């Protein structure tokens, strides 16, 4: 699924996810990280992540960002917070 298909469905965005993903990517791959369009948000109370399809990118996002913050992310997604 493309980012263009997901964005209109988002009830809210988690802007810090994309920012942090690009920073972590920069630390691993250098300036090519500027091409990443990783985003996260909430659709119907569920957290949704759009991550580049490479194994390294998915592993980076899961280990460095999503798993360490999963409780906070899920709490944010299920509440009315912005």
PDB file of N, CA and C in Angstrom:
ATOM      1  N   UNK A   1       0.847  -1.165   0.000  1.00  0.00           N
ATOM      2  CA  UNK A   1       0.000   0.000   0.000  1.00  0.00           C
ATOM      3  C   UNK A   1       0.901   1.239   0.000  1.00  0.00           C
ATOM      4  N   UNK A   2       0.532   2.237  -0.753  1.00  0.00           N
ATOM      5  CA  UNK A   2       1.357   3.439  -0.841  1.00  0.00           C
ATOM      6  C   UNK A   2       0.982   4.449   0.236  1.00  0.00           C
ATOM      7  N   UNK A   3       1.910   5.340   0.506  1.00  0.00           N
ATOM      8  CA  UNK A   3       1.648   6.405   1.471  1.00  0.00           C
ATOM      9  C   UNK A   3       0.477   7.258   1.007  1.00  0.00           C
ATOM     10  N   UNK A   4       0.383   7.495  -0.278  1.00  0.00           N
ATOM     11  CA  UNK A   4      -0.731   8.298  -0.807  1.00  0.00           C
ATOM     12  C   UNK A   4      -2.081   7.653  -0.510  1.00  0.00           C
ATOM     13  N   UNK A   5      -2.120   6.342  -0.433  1.00  0.00           N
ATOM     14  CA  UNK A   5      -3.366   5.643  -0.107  1.00  0.00           C
ATOM     15  C   UNK A   5      -3.664   5.689   1.386  1.00  0.00           C
ATOM     16  N   UNK A   6      -2.634   5.702   2.208  1.00  0.00           N
ATOM     17  CA  UNK A   6      -2.814   5.659   3.660  1.00  0.00           C
ATOM     18  C   UNK A   6      -3.129   7.032   4.248  1.00  0.00           C
ATOM     19  N   UNK A   7      -2.439   8.055   3.817  1.00  0.00           N
ATOM     20  CA  UNK A   7      -2.571   9.389   4.425  1.00  0.00           C
ATOM     21  C   UNK A   7      -4.019   9.868   4.535  1.00  0.00           C
ATOM     22  N   UNK A   8      -4.848   9.752   3.505  1.00  0.00           N
ATOM     23  CA  UNK A   8      -6.225  10.231   3.640  1.00  0.00           C
ATOM     24  C   UNK A   8      -7.047   9.456   4.678  1.00  0.00           C
ATOM     25  N   UNK A   9      -6.601   8.258   5.032  1.00  0.00           N
ATOM     26  CA  UNK A   9      -7.320   7.434   5.999  1.00  0.00           C
ATOM     27  C   UNK A   9      -6.966   7.762   7.446  1.00  0.00           C
ATOM     28  N   UNK A  10      -5.861   8.476   7.659  1.00  0.00           N
ATOM     29  CA  UNK A  10      -5.388   8.750   9.016  1.00  0.00           C
ATOM     30  C   UNK A  10      -6.322   9.697   9.756  1.00  0.00           C
ATOM     31  N   UNK A  11      -6.677   9.300  10.978  1.00  0.00           N
ATOM     32  CA  UNK A  11      -7.445  10.179  11.859  1.00  0.00           C
ATOM     33  C   UNK A  11      -6.523  11.196  12.515  1.00  0.00           C
ATOM     34  N   UNK A  12      -5.303  10.776  12.790  1.00  0.00           N
ATOM     35  CA  UNK A  12      -4.266  11.671  13.304  1.00  0.00           C
ATOM     36  C   UNK A  12      -2.911  11.090  12.936  1.00  0.00           C
ATOM     37  N   UNK A  13      -1.922  11.961  12.926  1.00  0.00           N
ATOM     38  CA  UNK A  13      -0.570  11.532  12.585  1.00  0.00           C
ATOM     39  C   UNK A  13       0.300  11.500  13.831  1.00  0.00           C
ATOM     40  N   UNK A  14       1.331  10.692  13.767  1.00  0.00           N
ATOM     41  CA  UNK A  14       2.362  10.652  14.809  1.00  0.00           C
ATOM     42  C   UNK A  14       3.620  11.179  14.125  1.00  0.00           C
ATOM     43  N   UNK A  15       3.710  12.502  14.050  1.00  0.00           N
ATOM     44  CA  UNK A  15       4.765  13.148  13.264  1.00  0.00           C
ATOM     45  C   UNK A  15       6.170  12.765  13.701  1.00  0.00           C
ATOM     46  N   UNK A  16       6.368  12.585  14.981  1.00  0.00           N
ATOM     47  CA  UNK A  16       7.697  12.265  15.480  1.00  0.00           C
ATOM     48  C   UNK A  16       8.248  10.953  14.956  1.00  0.00           C
ATOM     49  N   UNK A  17       7.376  10.038  14.562  1.00  0.00           N
ATOM     50  CA  UNK A  17       7.851   8.755  14.052  1.00  0.00           C
ATOM     51  C   UNK A  17       8.697   8.936  12.799  1.00  0.00           C
ATOM     52  N   UNK A  18       8.169   9.648  11.829  1.00  0.00           N
ATOM     53  CA  UNK A  18       8.910   9.862  10.581  1.00  0.00           C
ATOM     54  C   UNK A  18      10.207  10.616  10.812  1.00  0.00           C
ATOM     55  N   UNK A  19      10.133  11.615  11.691  1.00  0.00           N
ATOM     56  CA  UNK A  19      11.332  12.403  11.993  1.00  0.00           C
ATOM     57  C   UNK A  19      12.407  11.529  12.621  1.00  0.00           C
ATOM     58  N   UNK A  20      12.009  10.728  13.615  1.00  0.00           N
ATOM     59  CA  UNK A  20      12.976   9.870  14.295  1.00  0.00           C
ATOM     60  C   UNK A  20      13.478   8.758  13.374  1.00  0.00           C
ATOM     61  N   UNK A  21      12.601   8.221  12.546  1.00  0.00           N
ATOM     62  CA  UNK A  21      13.031   7.188  11.605  1.00  0.00           C
ATOM     63  C   UNK A  21      14.099   7.729  10.661  1.00  0.00           C
ATOM     64  N   UNK A  22      13.890   8.937  10.159  1.00  0.00           N
ATOM     65  CA  UNK A  22      14.888   9.520   9.257  1.00  0.00           C
ATOM     66  C   UNK A  22      16.208   9.776   9.985  1.00  0.00           C
ATOM     67  N   UNK A  23      16.153  10.210  11.233  1.00  0.00           N
ATOM     68  CA  UNK A  23      17.382  10.413  12.006  1.00  0.00           C
ATOM     69  C   UNK A  23      18.122   9.088  12.188  1.00  0.00           C
ATOM     70  N   UNK A  24      17.392   8.060  12.615  1.00  0.00           N
ATOM     71  CA  UNK A  24      18.018   6.745  12.812  1.00  0.00           C
ATOM     72  C   UNK A  24      18.556   6.199  11.483  1.00  0.00           C
ATOM     73  N   UNK A  25      17.813   6.416  10.408  1.00  0.00           N
ATOM     74  CA  UNK A  25      18.275   5.973   9.089  1.00  0.00           C
ATOM     75  C   UNK A  25      19.541   6.712   8.684  1.00  0.00           C
ATOM     76  N   UNK A  26      19.572   8.006   8.949  1.00  0.00           N
ATOM     77  CA  UNK A  26      20.757   8.808   8.631  1.00  0.00           C
ATOM     78  C   UNK A  26      21.988   8.238   9.327  1.00  0.00           C
ATOM     79  N   UNK A  27      21.814   7.824  10.579  1.00  0.00           N
ATOM     80  CA  UNK A  27      22.932   7.256  11.331  1.00  0.00           C
ATOM     81  C   UNK A  27      23.441   5.970  10.676  1.00  0.00           C
ATOM     82  N   UNK A  28      22.574   5.266   9.970  1.00  0.00           N
ATOM     83  CA  UNK A  28      22.960   4.002   9.337  1.00  0.00           C
ATOM     84  C   UNK A  28      23.353   4.139   7.869  1.00  0.00           C
ATOM     85  N   UNK A  29      22.620   4.984   7.117  1.00  0.00           N
ATOM     86  CA  UNK A  29      22.851   5.024   5.666  1.00  0.00           C
ATOM     87  C   UNK A  29      23.273   6.386   5.136  1.00  0.00           C
ATOM     88  N   UNK A  30      23.375   7.355   6.014  1.00  0.00           N
ATOM     89  CA  UNK A  30      23.807   8.680   5.581  1.00  0.00           C
ATOM     90  C   UNK A  30      22.689   9.484   4.947  1.00  0.00           C
ATOM     91  N   UNK A  31      23.082  10.371   4.052  1.00  0.00           N
ATOM     92  CA  UNK A  31      22.145  11.348   3.508  1.00  0.00           C
ATOM     93  C   UNK A  31      21.035  10.754   2.639  1.00  0.00           C
ATOM     94  N   UNK A  32      21.153   9.513   2.246  1.00  0.00           N
ATOM     95  CA  UNK A  32      20.063   8.870   1.495  1.00  0.00           C
ATOM     96  C   UNK A  32      18.779   8.816   2.324  1.00  0.00           C
ATOM     97  N   UNK A  33      18.897   9.004   3.626  1.00  0.00           N
ATOM     98  CA  UNK A  33      17.731   8.988   4.517  1.00  0.00           C
ATOM     99  C   UNK A  33      16.716  10.069   4.170  1.00  0.00           C
ATOM    100  N   UNK A  34      17.149  11.126   3.480  1.00  0.00           N
ATOM    101  CA  UNK A  34      16.203  12.197   3.142  1.00  0.00           C
ATOM    102  C   UNK A  34      15.112  11.712   2.191  1.00  0.00           C
ATOM    103  N   UNK A  35      15.324  10.604   1.532  1.00  0.00           N
ATOM    104  CA  UNK A  35      14.333  10.078   0.596  1.00  0.00           C
ATOM    105  C   UNK A  35      13.240   9.260   1.279  1.00  0.00           C
ATOM    106  N   UNK A  36      13.416   8.971   2.567  1.00  0.00           N
ATOM    107  CA  UNK A  36      12.420   8.179   3.284  1.00  0.00           C
ATOM    108  C   UNK A  36      11.133   8.966   3.480  1.00  0.00           C
ATOM    109  N   UNK A  37      10.012   8.294   3.264  1.00  0.00           N
ATOM    110  CA  UNK A  37       8.713   8.915   3.498  1.00  0.00           C
ATOM    111  C   UNK A  37       7.981   8.188   4.621  1.00  0.00           C
ATOM    112  N   UNK A  38       8.728   7.581   5.533  1.00  0.00           N
ATOM    113  CA  UNK A  38       8.117   6.842   6.635  1.00  0.00           C
ATOM    114  C   UNK A  38       7.166   7.747   7.410  1.00  0.00           C
ATOM    115  N   UNK A  39       5.999   7.203   7.719  1.00  0.00           N
ATOM    116  CA  UNK A  39       5.013   7.934   8.513  1.00  0.00           C
ATOM    117  C   UNK A  39       4.327   6.967   9.468  1.00  0.00           C
ATOM    118  N   UNK A  40       3.675   7.527  10.462  1.00  0.00           N
ATOM    119  CA  UNK A  40       2.840   6.739  11.368  1.00  0.00           C
ATOM    120  C   UNK A  40       1.626   7.571  11.717  1.00  0.00           C
ATOM    121  N   UNK A  41       0.596   6.881  12.097  1.00  0.00           N
ATOM    122  CA  UNK A  41      -0.615   7.583  12.479  1.00  0.00           C
ATOM    123  C   UNK A  41      -1.619   6.627  13.077  1.00  0.00           C
ATOM    124  N   UNK A  42      -2.838   7.113  13.203  1.00  0.00           N
ATOM    125  CA  UNK A  42      -3.910   6.340  13.820  1.00  0.00           C
ATOM    126  C   UNK A  42      -5.094   6.290  12.860  1.00  0.00           C
ATOM    127  N   UNK A  43      -5.621   5.091  12.677  1.00  0.00           N
ATOM    128  CA  UNK A  43      -6.841   4.883  11.900  1.00  0.00           C
ATOM    129  C   UNK A  43      -7.786   4.065  12.770  1.00  0.00           C
ATOM    130  N   UNK A  44      -8.940   4.617  13.067  1.00  0.00           N
ATOM    131  CA  UNK A  44      -9.944   3.920  13.887  1.00  0.00           C
ATOM    132  C   UNK A  44      -9.357   3.363  15.183  1.00  0.00           C
ATOM    133  N   UNK A  45      -8.544   4.156  15.866  1.00  0.00           N
ATOM    134  CA  UNK A  45      -7.981   3.750  17.150  1.00  0.00           C
ATOM    135  C   UNK A  45      -6.842   2.756  17.065  1.00  0.00           C
ATOM    136  N   UNK A  46      -6.335   2.520  15.868  1.00  0.00           N
ATOM    137  CA  UNK A  46      -5.225   1.575  15.693  1.00  0.00           C
ATOM    138  C   UNK A  46      -4.014   2.286  15.118  1.00  0.00           C
ATOM    139  N   UNK A  47      -2.855   1.956  15.671  1.00  0.00           N
ATOM    140  CA  UNK A  47      -1.608   2.534  15.172  1.00  0.00           C
ATOM    141  C   UNK A  47      -1.263   1.909  13.821  1.00  0.00           C
ATOM    142  N   UNK A  48      -0.848   2.756  12.892  1.00  0.00           N
ATOM    143  CA  UNK A  48      -0.481   2.320  11.545  1.00  0.00           C
ATOM    144  C   UNK A  48       0.891   2.901  11.224  1.00  0.00           C
ATOM    145  N   UNK A  49       1.770   2.063  10.685  1.00  0.00           N
ATOM    146  CA  UNK A  49       3.118   2.493  10.342  1.00  0.00           C
ATOM    147  C   UNK A  49       3.377   2.229   8.866  1.00  0.00           C
ATOM    148  N   UNK A  50       3.863   3.224   8.166  1.00  0.00           N
ATOM    149  CA  UNK A  50       4.296   3.070   6.771  1.00  0.00           C
ATOM    150  C   UNK A  50       5.811   3.199   6.772  1.00  0.00           C
ATOM    151  N   UNK A  51       6.458   2.090   6.478  1.00  0.00           N
ATOM    152  CA  UNK A  51       7.911   1.984   6.581  1.00  0.00           C
ATOM    153  C   UNK A  51       8.444   1.490   5.237  1.00  0.00           C
ATOM    154  N   UNK A  52       9.618   1.954   4.819  1.00  0.00           N
ATOM    155  CA  UNK A  52      10.211   1.398   3.603  1.00  0.00           C
ATOM    156  C   UNK A  52      10.284  -0.128   3.693  1.00  0.00           C
ATOM    157  N   UNK A  53      10.197  -0.799   2.561  1.00  0.00           N
ATOM    158  CA  UNK A  53      10.064  -2.245   2.536  1.00  0.00           C
ATOM    159  C   UNK A  53      11.318  -3.073   2.741  1.00  0.00           C
ATOM    160  N   UNK A  54      12.468  -2.447   2.865  1.00  0.00           N
ATOM    161  CA  UNK A  54      13.680  -3.251   3.061  1.00  0.00           C
ATOM    162  C   UNK A  54      13.691  -3.866   4.458  1.00  0.00           C
ATOM    163  N   UNK A  55      14.301  -5.038   4.559  1.00  0.00           N
ATOM    164  CA  UNK A  55      14.405  -5.720   5.845  1.00  0.00           C
ATOM    165  C   UNK A  55      15.109  -4.844   6.866  1.00  0.00           C
ATOM    166  N   UNK A  56      16.168  -4.154   6.445  1.00  0.00           N
ATOM    167  CA  UNK A  56      16.906  -3.282   7.366  1.00  0.00           C
ATOM    168  C   UNK A  56      16.025  -2.158   7.895  1.00  0.00           C
ATOM    169  N   UNK A  57      15.212  -1.569   7.034  1.00  0.00           N
ATOM    170  CA  UNK A  57      14.344  -0.464   7.453  1.00  0.00           C
ATOM    171  C   UNK A  57      13.288  -0.938   8.442  1.00  0.00           C
ATOM    172  N   UNK A  58      12.690  -2.078   8.169  1.00  0.00           N
ATOM    173  CA  UNK A  58      11.661  -2.612   9.062  1.00  0.00           C
ATOM    174  C   UNK A  58      12.268  -2.983  10.409  1.00  0.00           C
ATOM    175  N   UNK A  59      13.430  -3.610  10.383  1.00  0.00           N
ATOM    176  CA  UNK A  59      14.116  -3.969  11.626  1.00  0.00           C
ATOM    177  C   UNK A  59      14.474  -2.724  12.420  1.00  0.00           C
ATOM    178  N   UNK A  60      14.990  -1.715  11.758  1.00  0.00           N
ATOM    179  CA  UNK A  60      15.340  -0.458  12.416  1.00  0.00           C
ATOM    180  C   UNK A  60      14.112   0.157  13.080  1.00  0.00           C
ATOM    181  N   UNK A  61      13.027   0.274  12.337  1.00  0.00           N
ATOM    182  CA  UNK A  61      11.810   0.883  12.882  1.00  0.00           C
ATOM    183  C   UNK A  61      11.278   0.090  14.068  1.00  0.00           C
ATOM    184  N   UNK A  62      11.225  -1.216  13.931  1.00  0.00           N
ATOM    185  CA  UNK A  62      10.681  -2.053  15.001  1.00  0.00           C
ATOM    186  C   UNK A  62      11.554  -2.011  16.249  1.00  0.00           C
ATOM    187  N   UNK A  63      12.838  -2.253  16.090  1.00  0.00           N
ATOM    188  CA  UNK A  63      13.736  -2.353  17.252  1.00  0.00           C
ATOM    189  C   UNK A  63      14.044  -1.019  17.914  1.00  0.00           C
ATOM    190  N   UNK A  64      14.213   0.004  17.107  1.00  0.00           N
ATOM    191  CA  UNK A  64      14.681   1.285  17.641  1.00  0.00           C
ATOM    192  C   UNK A  64      13.562   2.252  18.025  1.00  0.00           C
ATOM    193  N   UNK A  65      12.371   2.073  17.450  1.00  0.00           N
ATOM    194  CA  UNK A  65      11.311   3.058  17.684  1.00  0.00           C
ATOM    195  C   UNK A  65      10.015   2.412  18.182  1.00  0.00           C
ATOM    196  N   UNK A  66       9.465   1.493  17.418  1.00  0.00           N
ATOM    197  CA  UNK A  66       8.132   0.969  17.727  1.00  0.00           C
ATOM    198  C   UNK A  66       8.115   0.142  19.006  1.00  0.00           C
ATOM    199  N   UNK A  67       8.945  -0.875  19.102  1.00  0.00           N
ATOM    200  CA  UNK A  67       8.922  -1.752  20.275  1.00  0.00           C
ATOM    201  C   UNK A  67       9.217  -0.993  21.571  1.00  0.00           C
ATOM    202  N   UNK A  68      10.244  -0.135  21.619  1.00  0.00           N
ATOM    203  CA  UNK A  68      10.487   0.592  22.868  1.00  0.00           C
ATOM    204  C   UNK A  68       9.326   1.504  23.297  1.00  0.00           C
ATOM    205  N   UNK A  69       8.516   1.952  22.358  1.00  0.00           N
ATOM    206  CA  UNK A  69       7.429   2.893  22.668  1.00  0.00           C
ATOM    207  C   UNK A  69       6.038   2.301  22.483  1.00  0.00           C
ATOM    208  N   UNK A  70       5.934   0.988  22.306  1.00  0.00           N
ATOM    209  CA  UNK A  70       4.655   0.400  21.917  1.00  0.00           C
ATOM    210  C   UNK A  70       3.523   0.710  22.892  1.00  0.00           C
ATOM    211  N   UNK A  71       3.774   0.657  24.178  1.00  0.00           N
ATOM    212  CA  UNK A  71       2.692   0.948  25.140  1.00  0.00           C
ATOM    213  C   UNK A  71       2.213   2.385  25.005  1.00  0.00           C
ATOM    214  N   UNK A  72       3.143   3.290  24.887  1.00  0.00           N
ATOM    215  CA  UNK A  72       2.789   4.705  24.743  1.00  0.00           C
ATOM    216  C   UNK A  72       2.054   4.933  23.420  1.00  0.00           C
ATOM    217  N   UNK A  73       2.530   4.315  22.361  1.00  0.00           N
ATOM    218  CA  UNK A  73       1.893   4.444  21.046  1.00  0.00           C
ATOM    219  C   UNK A  73       0.459   3.922  21.092  1.00  0.00           C
ATOM    220  N   UNK A  74       0.267   2.740  21.674  1.00  0.00           N
ATOM    221  CA  UNK A  74      -1.076   2.159  21.740  1.00  0.00           C
ATOM    222  C   UNK A  74      -2.002   2.985  22.618  1.00  0.00           C
ATOM    223  N   UNK A  75      -1.474   3.515  23.704  1.00  0.00           N
ATOM    224  CA  UNK A  75      -2.272   4.387  24.568  1.00  0.00           C
ATOM    225  C   UNK A  75      -2.698   5.637  23.808  1.00  0.00           C
ATOM    226  N   UNK A  76      -1.771   6.210  23.084  1.00  0.00           N
ATOM    227  CA  UNK A  76      -2.043   7.407  22.279  1.00  0.00           C
ATOM    228  C   UNK A  76      -3.082   7.098  21.198  1.00  0.00           C
ATOM    229  N   UNK A  77      -2.942   5.949  20.571  1.00  0.00           N
ATOM    230  CA  UNK A  77      -3.844   5.577  19.479  1.00  0.00           C
ATOM    231  C   UNK A  77      -5.271   5.359  19.967  1.00  0.00           C
ATOM    232  N   UNK A  78      -5.404   4.763  21.139  1.00  0.00           N
ATOM    233  CA  UNK A  78      -6.744   4.425  21.621  1.00  0.00           C
ATOM    234  C   UNK A  78      -7.433   5.570  22.349  1.00  0.00           C
ATOM    235  N   UNK A  79      -6.684   6.615  22.668  1.00  0.00           N
ATOM    236  CA  UNK A  79      -7.283   7.766  23.347  1.00  0.00           C
ATOM    237  C   UNK A  79      -7.612   8.840  22.321  1.00  0.00           C
ATOM    238  N   UNK A  80      -8.201   9.890  22.793  1.00  0.00           N
ATOM    239  CA  UNK A  80      -8.511  11.004  21.905  1.00  0.00           C
ATOM    240  C   UNK A  80      -7.388  12.015  21.825  1.00  0.00           C
ATOM    241  N   UNK A  81      -6.205  11.668  22.347  1.00  0.00           N
ATOM    242  CA  UNK A  81      -5.071  12.602  22.374  1.00  0.00           C
ATOM    243  C   UNK A  81      -4.642  13.006  20.982  1.00  0.00           C
ATOM    244  N   UNK A  82      -4.020  14.159  20.933  1.00  0.00           N
ATOM    245  CA  UNK A  82      -3.352  14.612  19.708  1.00  0.00           C
ATOM    246  C   UNK A  82      -1.917  14.863  20.051  1.00  0.00           C
TER     247      UNK A  82
END
